[in-house]
Amino acid sequence: MLIKVSDTVEIIAGRDKGLRGTVLSVDRENNKVVVEGVNRVLKHVKKSQRNPQGGRLSKEATLNASKVMLVCPKTSKPTRLGVRIAADGSKERFCKKSGVSLGVISPAKRTKAAK
């Protein structure tokens, strides 16, 4: 999964389709993400010393990562992500539509560098 925390994503399926938000957390083992302001659910909280009022708490629930697409910073449209090897041998994320680099994800390796 190439989506990282603080990426801006757009929801492409489900009841929140079309909304945009930033990624708050990523669960790579279960292929889930939490997006700010999206997929809100009500959690019932019992009265306690920590929460003396009790009641219902609204919070963001996890989404399957296949339901979100990264928003390209150049075109501000949803795009797929790819990985390419830069000239110095480092791996970087890039937008498939515009080709804009989104940062390095792996340090440079001499064996992968262009000669």
Protein backbone atom coordinates (compact mmCIF):
# COMPACT_ATOMS: atom_id res chain seq x y z
CA MET A 1 0.00 0.00 0.00
CA LEU A 2 1.49 3.33 -1.07
CA ILE A 3 -0.80 5.65 0.90
CA LYS A 4 0.86 7.35 3.88
CA VAL A 5 -0.29 9.38 6.88
CA SER A 6 -1.12 13.04 6.02
CA ASP A 7 -1.84 12.27 2.33
CA THR A 8 -4.96 13.91 0.91
CA VAL A 9 -7.33 11.28 -0.45
CA GLU A 10 -10.76 11.15 -2.09
CA ILE A 11 -13.36 8.50 -1.28
CA ILE A 12 -14.39 6.63 -4.47
CA ALA A 13 -16.98 4.21 -3.05
CA GLY A 14 -19.51 3.99 -0.25
CA ARG A 15 -21.81 6.45 1.48
CA ASP A 16 -19.11 9.17 1.67
CA LYS A 17 -18.23 8.96 -2.04
CA GLY A 18 -16.72 12.19 -3.36
CA LEU A 19 -15.51 13.54 0.01
CA ARG A 20 -11.87 14.45 0.56
CA GLY A 21 -9.82 14.29 3.73
CA THR A 22 -6.38 13.65 5.13
CA VAL A 23 -5.23 10.22 6.24
CA LEU A 24 -4.94 9.97 10.03
CA SER A 25 -3.65 6.40 10.32
CA VAL A 26 -2.75 3.43 8.12
CA ASP A 27 -3.10 -0.26 9.03
CA ARG A 28 -0.97 -2.10 6.46
CA GLU A 29 -1.69 -5.61 7.84
CA ASN A 30 -5.47 -5.29 7.35
CA ASN A 31 -5.33 -2.89 4.35
CA LYS A 32 -7.32 -0.18 6.21
CA VAL A 33 -7.05 3.60 6.55
CA VAL A 34 -8.71 6.21 8.79
CA VAL A 35 -9.60 9.45 6.98
CA GLU A 36 -10.40 12.68 8.81
CA GLY A 37 -14.13 13.52 8.77
CA VAL A 38 -15.15 10.45 6.75
CA ASN A 39 -17.01 7.25 7.75
CA ARG A 40 -18.17 8.67 11.09
CA VAL A 41 -19.86 6.23 13.47
CA LEU A 42 -21.49 6.62 16.89
CA LYS A 43 -19.79 4.87 19.78
CA HIS A 44 -21.85 4.45 22.95
CA VAL A 45 -19.81 5.34 26.03
CA LYS A 46 -20.76 4.30 29.56
CA LYS A 47 -20.52 6.80 32.42
CA SER A 48 -17.16 6.74 34.18
CA GLN A 49 -14.78 9.05 36.03
CA ARG A 50 -13.02 9.81 32.77
CA ASN A 51 -16.31 10.50 30.97
CA PRO A 52 -18.86 11.56 33.64
CA GLN A 53 -21.57 12.45 31.10
CA GLY A 54 -21.57 9.20 29.12
CA GLY A 55 -23.63 9.11 25.92
CA ARG A 56 -22.75 8.77 22.27
CA LEU A 57 -19.38 9.75 20.84
CA SER A 58 -18.92 10.40 17.11
CA LYS A 59 -15.61 9.14 15.70
CA GLU A 60 -14.01 8.08 12.42
CA ALA A 61 -14.00 4.37 11.61
CA THR A 62 -11.59 2.52 9.34
CA LEU A 63 -12.09 2.26 5.59
CA ASN A 64 -10.73 -0.31 3.19
CA ALA A 65 -7.77 1.20 1.33
CA SER A 66 -9.31 0.17 -2.00
CA LYS A 67 -12.08 2.76 -1.44
CA VAL A 68 -9.69 5.74 -1.46
CA MET A 69 -7.51 7.36 -4.14
CA LEU A 70 -4.73 9.83 -3.58
CA VAL A 71 -5.37 13.39 -4.79
CA CYS A 72 -2.54 14.61 -7.05
CA PRO A 73 -1.00 17.85 -5.71
CA LYS A 74 -0.48 19.20 -9.25
CA THR A 75 -3.87 18.53 -10.86
CA SER A 76 -5.94 18.13 -7.62
CA LYS A 77 -7.71 15.12 -9.14
CA PRO A 78 -7.72 11.51 -7.86
CA THR A 79 -4.93 9.42 -9.34
CA ARG A 80 -3.30 6.04 -9.01
CA LEU A 81 0.15 5.74 -7.48
CA GLY A 82 3.23 4.06 -8.83
CA VAL A 83 6.79 3.37 -7.74
CA ARG A 84 9.79 4.14 -9.90
CA ILE A 85 13.55 4.04 -9.42
CA ALA A 86 15.24 7.43 -9.67
CA ALA A 87 18.58 8.01 -11.36
CA ASP A 88 20.45 7.78 -8.04
CA GLY A 89 18.90 4.36 -7.27
CA SER A 90 16.29 5.47 -4.73
CA LYS A 91 12.63 4.45 -4.94
CA GLU A 92 9.99 7.18 -5.11
CA ARG A 93 6.20 7.38 -5.25
CA PHE A 94 4.69 9.18 -8.24
CA CYS A 95 1.27 10.08 -9.69
CA LYS A 96 0.45 7.97 -12.74
CA LYS A 97 -1.51 10.75 -14.51
CA SER A 98 0.82 13.71 -14.10
CA GLY A 99 4.13 12.01 -13.28
CA VAL A 100 4.72 14.24 -10.23
CA SER A 101 7.07 12.78 -7.62
CA LEU A 102 5.58 12.38 -4.13
CA GLY A 103 8.77 11.71 -2.20
CA VAL A 104 11.37 9.02 -1.64
CA ILE A 105 10.25 5.76 0.01
CA SER A 106 13.57 3.91 -0.03
CA PRO A 107 17.16 5.19 0.15
CA ALA A 108 19.52 5.03 -2.81
CA LYS A 109 21.19 1.73 -3.70
CA ARG A 110 24.32 1.60 -5.82
CA THR A 111 23.20 -1.54 -7.64
CA LYS A 112 20.01 0.15 -8.90
CA ALA A 113 21.60 3.48 -9.92
CA ALA A 114 21.72 4.41 -13.61
CA LYS A 115 25.19 4.18 -15.14
